[in-house]
Amino acid sequence: MDQVVINWGLAVISGLIGFWVKVMWEELKSLRKADTELADKVGKIEVLVAGKYVTREEFDKAVNRIFVKLDTIELHLTGKDRSS
């Protein structure tokens, strides 16, 4: 009778350990999947950010337009100084 109790005890303990290992394995798989999805999202964000930078040519054009306007303002101001 004692051996039967020991066998049943070991069976229950083994079953609980097996169930715990299965639960941990499933959680590990879900974490790996979530990690992969998150890495993909971060990669897409990096592409979006990198795609919206101002090119050197666009920047140069904008700066040149600003300098042309500043030169025009300077000419108007120097003309007013001479007339006063």
PDB file of N, CA and C in Angstrom:
ATOM      1  N   MET A   1       0.821  -1.196   0.000  1.00  0.00           N
ATOM      2  CA  MET A   1       0.000   0.000   0.000  1.00  0.00           C
ATOM      3  C   MET A   1       0.865   1.260   0.000  1.00  0.00           C
ATOM      4  N   ASP A   2       1.986   1.244   0.717  1.00  0.00           N
ATOM      5  CA  ASP A   2       2.854   2.409   0.770  1.00  0.00           C
ATOM      6  C   ASP A   2       3.424   2.752  -0.602  1.00  0.00           C
ATOM      7  N   GLN A   3       3.785   1.742  -1.384  1.00  0.00           N
ATOM      8  CA  GLN A   3       4.351   1.982  -2.715  1.00  0.00           C
ATOM      9  C   GLN A   3       3.309   2.620  -3.637  1.00  0.00           C
ATOM     10  N   VAL A   4       2.053   2.260  -3.485  1.00  0.00           N
ATOM     11  CA  VAL A   4       0.985   2.834  -4.306  1.00  0.00           C
ATOM     12  C   VAL A   4       0.845   4.326  -4.000  1.00  0.00           C
ATOM     13  N   VAL A   5       0.909   4.694  -2.748  1.00  0.00           N
ATOM     14  CA  VAL A   5       0.810   6.103  -2.353  1.00  0.00           C
ATOM     15  C   VAL A   5       2.001   6.883  -2.902  1.00  0.00           C
ATOM     16  N   ILE A   6       3.173   6.307  -2.803  1.00  0.00           N
ATOM     17  CA  ILE A   6       4.371   6.960  -3.333  1.00  0.00           C
ATOM     18  C   ILE A   6       4.252   7.122  -4.846  1.00  0.00           C
ATOM     19  N   ASN A   7       3.794   6.095  -5.536  1.00  0.00           N
ATOM     20  CA  ASN A   7       3.621   6.160  -6.993  1.00  0.00           C
ATOM     21  C   ASN A   7       2.618   7.246  -7.376  1.00  0.00           C
ATOM     22  N   TRP A   8       1.501   7.300  -6.669  1.00  0.00           N
ATOM     23  CA  TRP A   8       0.495   8.323  -6.949  1.00  0.00           C
ATOM     24  C   TRP A   8       1.040   9.720  -6.631  1.00  0.00           C
ATOM     25  N   GLY A   9       1.761   9.846  -5.576  1.00  0.00           N
ATOM     26  CA  GLY A   9       2.366  11.140  -5.228  1.00  0.00           C
ATOM     27  C   GLY A   9       3.341  11.605  -6.297  1.00  0.00           C
ATOM     28  N   LEU A  10       4.198  10.679  -6.735  1.00  0.00           N
ATOM     29  CA  LEU A  10       5.142  11.021  -7.794  1.00  0.00           C
ATOM     30  C   LEU A  10       4.418  11.341  -9.104  1.00  0.00           C
ATOM     31  N   ALA A  11       3.342  10.645  -9.389  1.00  0.00           N
ATOM     32  CA  ALA A  11       2.566  10.917 -10.611  1.00  0.00           C
ATOM     33  C   ALA A  11       1.946  12.313 -10.552  1.00  0.00           C
ATOM     34  N   VAL A  12       1.411  12.675  -9.393  1.00  0.00           N
ATOM     35  CA  VAL A  12       0.807  14.003  -9.250  1.00  0.00           C
ATOM     36  C   VAL A  12       1.873  15.086  -9.368  1.00  0.00           C
ATOM     37  N   ILE A  13       2.995  14.888  -8.696  1.00  0.00           N
ATOM     38  CA  ILE A  13       4.084  15.866  -8.763  1.00  0.00           C
ATOM     39  C   ILE A  13       4.609  15.986 -10.191  1.00  0.00           C
ATOM     40  N   SER A  14       4.794  14.865 -10.869  1.00  0.00           N
ATOM     41  CA  SER A  14       5.268  14.882 -12.256  1.00  0.00           C
ATOM     42  C   SER A  14       4.257  15.587 -13.159  1.00  0.00           C
ATOM     43  N   GLY A  15       2.987  15.328 -12.919  1.00  0.00           N
ATOM     44  CA  GLY A  15       1.943  15.991 -13.706  1.00  0.00           C
ATOM     45  C   GLY A  15       1.957  17.497 -13.501  1.00  0.00           C
ATOM     46  N   LEU A  16       2.111  17.924 -12.248  1.00  0.00           N
ATOM     47  CA  LEU A  16       2.161  19.357 -11.962  1.00  0.00           C
ATOM     48  C   LEU A  16       3.395  20.015 -12.597  1.00  0.00           C
ATOM     49  N   ILE A  17       4.534  19.337 -12.503  1.00  0.00           N
ATOM     50  CA  ILE A  17       5.756  19.865 -13.116  1.00  0.00           C
ATOM     51  C   ILE A  17       5.597  19.927 -14.634  1.00  0.00           C
ATOM     52  N   GLY A  18       5.023  18.888 -15.212  1.00  0.00           N
ATOM     53  CA  GLY A  18       4.787  18.879 -16.658  1.00  0.00           C
ATOM     54  C   GLY A  18       3.856  20.007 -17.089  1.00  0.00           C
ATOM     55  N   PHE A  19       2.782  20.224 -16.313  1.00  0.00           N
ATOM     56  CA  PHE A  19       1.855  21.307 -16.622  1.00  0.00           C
ATOM     57  C   PHE A  19       2.560  22.662 -16.524  1.00  0.00           C
ATOM     58  N   TRP A  20       3.373  22.846 -15.478  1.00  0.00           N
ATOM     59  CA  TRP A  20       4.093  24.100 -15.287  1.00  0.00           C
ATOM     60  C   TRP A  20       5.065  24.346 -16.448  1.00  0.00           C
ATOM     61  N   VAL A  21       5.776  23.291 -16.880  1.00  0.00           N
ATOM     62  CA  VAL A  21       6.716  23.424 -17.995  1.00  0.00           C
ATOM     63  C   VAL A  21       5.966  23.786 -19.271  1.00  0.00           C
ATOM     64  N   LYS A  22       4.805  23.174 -19.489  1.00  0.00           N
ATOM     65  CA  LYS A  22       4.008  23.481 -20.684  1.00  0.00           C
ATOM     66  C   LYS A  22       3.546  24.936 -20.668  1.00  0.00           C
ATOM     67  N   VAL A  23       3.092  25.420 -19.521  1.00  0.00           N
ATOM     68  CA  VAL A  23       2.643  26.812 -19.406  1.00  0.00           C
ATOM     69  C   VAL A  23       3.812  27.755 -19.660  1.00  0.00           C
ATOM     70  N   MET A  24       4.967  27.460 -19.087  1.00  0.00           N
ATOM     71  CA  MET A  24       6.139  28.308 -19.293  1.00  0.00           C
ATOM     72  C   MET A  24       6.566  28.308 -20.765  1.00  0.00           C
ATOM     73  N   TRP A  25       6.493  27.159 -21.414  1.00  0.00           N
ATOM     74  CA  TRP A  25       6.866  27.060 -22.827  1.00  0.00           C
ATOM     75  C   TRP A  25       5.924  27.891 -23.693  1.00  0.00           C
ATOM     76  N   GLU A  26       4.629  27.835 -23.414  1.00  0.00           N
ATOM     77  CA  GLU A  26       3.665  28.636 -24.167  1.00  0.00           C
ATOM     78  C   GLU A  26       3.903  30.131 -23.954  1.00  0.00           C
ATOM     79  N   GLU A  27       4.199  30.522 -22.738  1.00  0.00           N
ATOM     80  CA  GLU A  27       4.479  31.930 -22.452  1.00  0.00           C
ATOM     81  C   GLU A  27       5.740  32.384 -23.174  1.00  0.00           C
ATOM     82  N   LEU A  28       6.740  31.531 -23.212  1.00  0.00           N
ATOM     83  CA  LEU A  28       7.977  31.864 -23.913  1.00  0.00           C
ATOM     84  C   LEU A  28       7.715  32.057 -25.403  1.00  0.00           C
ATOM     85  N   LYS A  29       6.895  31.192 -25.979  1.00  0.00           N
ATOM     86  CA  LYS A  29       6.556  31.324 -27.393  1.00  0.00           C
ATOM     87  C   LYS A  29       5.804  32.620 -27.653  1.00  0.00           C
ATOM     88  N   SER A  30       4.873  32.978 -26.769  1.00  0.00           N
ATOM     89  CA  SER A  30       4.114  34.220 -26.973  1.00  0.00           C
ATOM     90  C   SER A  30       5.018  35.439 -26.802  1.00  0.00           C
ATOM     91  N   LEU A  31       5.969  35.380 -25.886  1.00  0.00           N
ATOM     92  CA  LEU A  31       6.912  36.488 -25.717  1.00  0.00           C
ATOM     93  C   LEU A  31       7.817  36.641 -26.938  1.00  0.00           C
ATOM     94  N   ARG A  32       8.252  35.534 -27.496  1.00  0.00           N
ATOM     95  CA  ARG A  32       9.075  35.604 -28.703  1.00  0.00           C
ATOM     96  C   ARG A  32       8.290  36.220 -29.854  1.00  0.00           C
ATOM     97  N   LYS A  33       7.022  35.841 -29.986  1.00  0.00           N
ATOM     98  CA  LYS A  33       6.180  36.396 -31.048  1.00  0.00           C
ATOM     99  C   LYS A  33       5.976  37.892 -30.839  1.00  0.00           C
ATOM    100  N   ALA A  34       5.706  38.299 -29.609  1.00  0.00           N
ATOM    101  CA  ALA A  34       5.524  39.723 -29.309  1.00  0.00           C
ATOM    102  C   ALA A  34       6.810  40.493 -29.576  1.00  0.00           C
ATOM    103  N   ASP A  35       7.950  39.915 -29.252  1.00  0.00           N
ATOM    104  CA  ASP A  35       9.239  40.560 -29.495  1.00  0.00           C
ATOM    105  C   ASP A  35       9.468  40.754 -30.991  1.00  0.00           C
ATOM    106  N   THR A  36       9.144  39.755 -31.777  1.00  0.00           N
ATOM    107  CA  THR A  36       9.300  39.858 -33.227  1.00  0.00           C
ATOM    108  C   THR A  36       8.388  40.944 -33.792  1.00  0.00           C
ATOM    109  N   GLU A  37       7.144  40.983 -33.333  1.00  0.00           N
ATOM    110  CA  GLU A  37       6.212  42.009 -33.800  1.00  0.00           C
ATOM    111  C   GLU A  37       6.688  43.404 -33.415  1.00  0.00           C
ATOM    112  N   LEU A  38       7.193  43.541 -32.210  1.00  0.00           N
ATOM    113  CA  LEU A  38       7.693  44.835 -31.753  1.00  0.00           C
ATOM    114  C   LEU A  38       8.916  45.273 -32.555  1.00  0.00           C
ATOM    115  N   ALA A  39       9.796  44.346 -32.841  1.00  0.00           N
ATOM    116  CA  ALA A  39      10.976  44.666 -33.643  1.00  0.00           C
ATOM    117  C   ALA A  39      10.569  45.106 -35.050  1.00  0.00           C
ATOM    118  N   ASP A  40       9.553  44.466 -35.624  1.00  0.00           N
ATOM    119  CA  ASP A  40       9.053  44.870 -36.943  1.00  0.00           C
ATOM    120  C   ASP A  40       8.467  46.272 -36.901  1.00  0.00           C
ATOM    121  N   LYS A  41       7.710  46.585 -35.845  1.00  0.00           N
ATOM    122  CA  LYS A  41       7.125  47.920 -35.725  1.00  0.00           C
ATOM    123  C   LYS A  41       8.205  48.984 -35.589  1.00  0.00           C
ATOM    124  N   VAL A  42       9.224  48.705 -34.796  1.00  0.00           N
ATOM    125  CA  VAL A  42      10.318  49.661 -34.633  1.00  0.00           C
ATOM    126  C   VAL A  42      11.041  49.865 -35.959  1.00  0.00           C
ATOM    127  N   GLY A  43      11.234  48.806 -36.704  1.00  0.00           N
ATOM    128  CA  GLY A  43      11.871  48.920 -38.016  1.00  0.00           C
ATOM    129  C   GLY A  43      11.058  49.784 -38.960  1.00  0.00           C
ATOM    130  N   LYS A  44       9.736  49.637 -38.926  1.00  0.00           N
ATOM    131  CA  LYS A  44       8.883  50.466 -39.785  1.00  0.00           C
ATOM    132  C   LYS A  44       8.933  51.923 -39.355  1.00  0.00           C
ATOM    133  N   ILE A  45       9.000  52.180 -38.070  1.00  0.00           N
ATOM    134  CA  ILE A  45       9.081  53.559 -37.586  1.00  0.00           C
ATOM    135  C   ILE A  45      10.388  54.188 -38.049  1.00  0.00           C
ATOM    136  N   GLU A  46      11.483  53.443 -37.985  1.00  0.00           N
ATOM    137  CA  GLU A  46      12.768  53.967 -38.432  1.00  0.00           C
ATOM    138  C   GLU A  46      12.715  54.337 -39.904  1.00  0.00           C
ATOM    139  N   VAL A  47      12.030  53.529 -40.716  1.00  0.00           N
ATOM    140  CA  VAL A  47      11.918  53.826 -42.143  1.00  0.00           C
ATOM    141  C   VAL A  47      11.104  55.091 -42.343  1.00  0.00           C
ATOM    142  N   LEU A  48      10.019  55.250 -41.579  1.00  0.00           N
ATOM    143  CA  LEU A  48       9.195  56.451 -41.712  1.00  0.00           C
ATOM    144  C   LEU A  48       9.971  57.699 -41.334  1.00  0.00           C
ATOM    145  N   VAL A  49      10.701  57.645 -40.255  1.00  0.00           N
ATOM    146  CA  VAL A  49      11.454  58.815 -39.813  1.00  0.00           C
ATOM    147  C   VAL A  49      12.549  59.142 -40.814  1.00  0.00           C
ATOM    148  N   ALA A  50      13.263  58.161 -41.279  1.00  0.00           N
ATOM    149  CA  ALA A  50      14.359  58.395 -42.211  1.00  0.00           C
ATOM    150  C   ALA A  50      13.844  58.899 -43.560  1.00  0.00           C
ATOM    151  N   GLY A  51      12.636  58.562 -43.926  1.00  0.00           N
ATOM    152  CA  GLY A  51      12.078  58.982 -45.204  1.00  0.00           C
ATOM    153  C   GLY A  51      11.621  60.422 -45.221  1.00  0.00           C
ATOM    154  N   LYS A  52      11.513  61.088 -44.094  1.00  0.00           N
ATOM    155  CA  LYS A  52      10.963  62.438 -44.046  1.00  0.00           C
ATOM    156  C   LYS A  52      12.013  63.513 -43.808  1.00  0.00           C
ATOM    157  N   TYR A  53      13.275  63.186 -43.921  1.00  0.00           N
ATOM    158  CA  TYR A  53      14.314  64.193 -43.748  1.00  0.00           C
ATOM    159  C   TYR A  53      14.337  65.139 -44.947  1.00  0.00           C
ATOM    160  N   VAL A  54      14.748  66.366 -44.705  1.00  0.00           N
ATOM    161  CA  VAL A  54      14.886  67.344 -45.777  1.00  0.00           C
ATOM    162  C   VAL A  54      16.184  67.051 -46.516  1.00  0.00           C
ATOM    163  N   THR A  55      16.089  67.056 -47.826  1.00  0.00           N
ATOM    164  CA  THR A  55      17.305  66.805 -48.601  1.00  0.00           C
ATOM    165  C   THR A  55      18.183  68.050 -48.603  1.00  0.00           C
ATOM    166  N   ARG A  56      19.415  67.872 -48.959  1.00  0.00           N
ATOM    167  CA  ARG A  56      20.374  68.978 -48.979  1.00  0.00           C
ATOM    168  C   ARG A  56      19.942  70.050 -49.986  1.00  0.00           C
ATOM    169  N   GLU A  57      19.433  69.611 -51.137  1.00  0.00           N
ATOM    170  CA  GLU A  57      19.013  70.554 -52.172  1.00  0.00           C
ATOM    171  C   GLU A  57      17.823  71.387 -51.708  1.00  0.00           C
ATOM    172  N   GLU A  58      16.849  70.748 -51.054  1.00  0.00           N
ATOM    173  CA  GLU A  58      15.690  71.488 -50.546  1.00  0.00           C
ATOM    174  C   GLU A  58      16.114  72.500 -49.487  1.00  0.00           C
ATOM    175  N   PHE A  59      17.025  72.087 -48.631  1.00  0.00           N
ATOM    176  CA  PHE A  59      17.516  72.991 -47.582  1.00  0.00           C
ATOM    177  C   PHE A  59      18.237  74.188 -48.194  1.00  0.00           C
ATOM    178  N   ASP A  60      19.092  73.919 -49.195  1.00  0.00           N
ATOM    179  CA  ASP A  60      19.821  75.001 -49.846  1.00  0.00           C
ATOM    180  C   ASP A  60      18.871  75.979 -50.528  1.00  0.00           C
ATOM    181  N   LYS A  61      17.827  75.464 -51.181  1.00  0.00           N
ATOM    182  CA  LYS A  61      16.851  76.333 -51.833  1.00  0.00           C
ATOM    183  C   LYS A  61      16.145  77.216 -50.814  1.00  0.00           C
ATOM    184  N   ALA A  62      15.733  76.632 -49.700  1.00  0.00           N
ATOM    185  CA  ALA A  62      15.032  77.407 -48.672  1.00  0.00           C
ATOM    186  C   ALA A  62      15.937  78.470 -48.082  1.00  0.00           C
ATOM    187  N   VAL A  63      17.180  78.136 -47.808  1.00  0.00           N
ATOM    188  CA  VAL A  63      18.121  79.104 -47.242  1.00  0.00           C
ATOM    189  C   VAL A  63      18.404  80.217 -48.239  1.00  0.00           C
ATOM    190  N   ASN A  64      18.547  79.864 -49.501  1.00  0.00           N
ATOM    191  CA  ASN A  64      18.791  80.893 -50.527  1.00  0.00           C
ATOM    192  C   ASN A  64      17.609  81.851 -50.643  1.00  0.00           C
ATOM    193  N   ARG A  65      16.382  81.331 -50.564  1.00  0.00           N
ATOM    194  CA  ARG A  65      15.200  82.206 -50.603  1.00  0.00           C
ATOM    195  C   ARG A  65      15.190  83.146 -49.407  1.00  0.00           C
ATOM    196  N   ILE A  66      15.576  82.648 -48.254  1.00  0.00           N
ATOM    197  CA  ILE A  66      15.626  83.501 -47.059  1.00  0.00           C
ATOM    198  C   ILE A  66      16.674  84.596 -47.239  1.00  0.00           C
ATOM    199  N   PHE A  67      17.839  84.243 -47.759  1.00  0.00           N
ATOM    200  CA  PHE A  67      18.887  85.246 -47.964  1.00  0.00           C
ATOM    201  C   PHE A  67      18.487  86.284 -49.012  1.00  0.00           C
ATOM    202  N   VAL A  68      17.768  85.868 -50.047  1.00  0.00           N
ATOM    203  CA  VAL A  68      17.288  86.830 -51.049  1.00  0.00           C
ATOM    204  C   VAL A  68      16.333  87.825 -50.399  1.00  0.00           C
ATOM    205  N   LYS A  69      15.434  87.327 -49.569  1.00  0.00           N
ATOM    206  CA  LYS A  69      14.503  88.222 -48.871  1.00  0.00           C
ATOM    207  C   LYS A  69      15.252  89.137 -47.906  1.00  0.00           C
ATOM    208  N   LEU A  70      16.234  88.616 -47.206  1.00  0.00           N
ATOM    209  CA  LEU A  70      17.025  89.450 -46.304  1.00  0.00           C
ATOM    210  C   LEU A  70      17.792  90.520 -47.069  1.00  0.00           C
ATOM    211  N   ASP A  71      18.322  90.155 -48.225  1.00  0.00           N
ATOM    212  CA  ASP A  71      19.015  91.148 -49.048  1.00  0.00           C
ATOM    213  C   ASP A  71      18.053  92.237 -49.503  1.00  0.00           C
ATOM    214  N   THR A  72      16.839  91.858 -49.869  1.00  0.00           N
ATOM    215  CA  THR A  72      15.838  92.840 -50.283  1.00  0.00           C
ATOM    216  C   THR A  72      15.490  93.770 -49.121  1.00  0.00           C
ATOM    217  N   ILE A  73      15.325  93.214 -47.953  1.00  0.00           N
ATOM    218  CA  ILE A  73      15.030  94.030 -46.763  1.00  0.00           C
ATOM    219  C   ILE A  73      16.186  94.971 -46.480  1.00  0.00           C
ATOM    220  N   GLU A  74      17.408  94.479 -46.606  1.00  0.00           N
ATOM    221  CA  GLU A  74      18.582  95.311 -46.359  1.00  0.00           C
ATOM    222  C   GLU A  74      18.647  96.469 -47.354  1.00  0.00           C
ATOM    223  N   LEU A  75      18.334  96.178 -48.618  1.00  0.00           N
ATOM    224  CA  LEU A  75      18.334  97.243 -49.617  1.00  0.00           C
ATOM    225  C   LEU A  75      17.292  98.306 -49.281  1.00  0.00           C
ATOM    226  N   HIS A  76      16.113  97.880 -48.856  1.00  0.00           N
ATOM    227  CA  HIS A  76      15.068  98.831 -48.485  1.00  0.00           C
ATOM    228  C   HIS A  76      15.494  99.663 -47.277  1.00  0.00           C
ATOM    229  N   LEU A  77      16.105  99.022 -46.311  1.00  0.00           N
ATOM    230  CA  LEU A  77      16.533  99.747 -45.110  1.00  0.00           C
ATOM    231  C   LEU A  77      17.664 100.711 -45.415  1.00  0.00           C
ATOM    232  N   THR A  78      18.624 100.312 -46.224  1.00  0.00           N
ATOM    233  CA  THR A  78      19.729 101.217 -46.572  1.00  0.00           C
ATOM    234  C   THR A  78      19.201 102.353 -47.424  1.00  0.00           C
ATOM    235  N   GLY A  79      18.208 102.103 -48.222  1.00  0.00           N
ATOM    236  CA  GLY A  79      17.609 103.197 -49.028  1.00  0.00           C
ATOM    237  C   GLY A  79      16.904 104.184 -48.144  1.00  0.00           C
ATOM    238  N   LYS A  80      16.282 103.746 -47.080  1.00  0.00           N
ATOM    239  CA  LYS A  80      15.589 104.648 -46.168  1.00  0.00           C
ATOM    240  C   LYS A  80      16.588 105.477 -45.365  1.00  0.00           C
ATOM    241  N   ASP A  81      17.724 104.857 -45.009  1.00  0.00           N
ATOM    242  CA  ASP A  81      18.741 105.591 -44.239  1.00  0.00           C
ATOM    243  C   ASP A  81      19.294 106.741 -45.076  1.00  0.00           C
ATOM    244  N   ARG A  82      19.493 106.528 -46.337  1.00  0.00           N
ATOM    245  CA  ARG A  82      20.077 107.557 -47.203  1.00  0.00           C
ATOM    246  C   ARG A  82      19.070 108.685 -47.470  1.00  0.00           C
ATOM    247  N   SER A  83      17.777 108.335 -47.530  1.00  0.00           N
ATOM    248  CA  SER A  83      16.788 109.359 -47.828  1.00  0.00           C
ATOM    249  C   SER A  83      16.457 110.196 -46.611  1.00  0.00           C
ATOM    250  N   SER A  84      16.749 109.740 -45.405  1.00  0.00           N
ATOM    251  CA  SER A  84      16.398 110.509 -44.218  1.00  0.00           C
ATOM    252  C   SER A  84      17.388 111.533 -43.854  1.00  0.00           C
TER     253      SER A  84
END
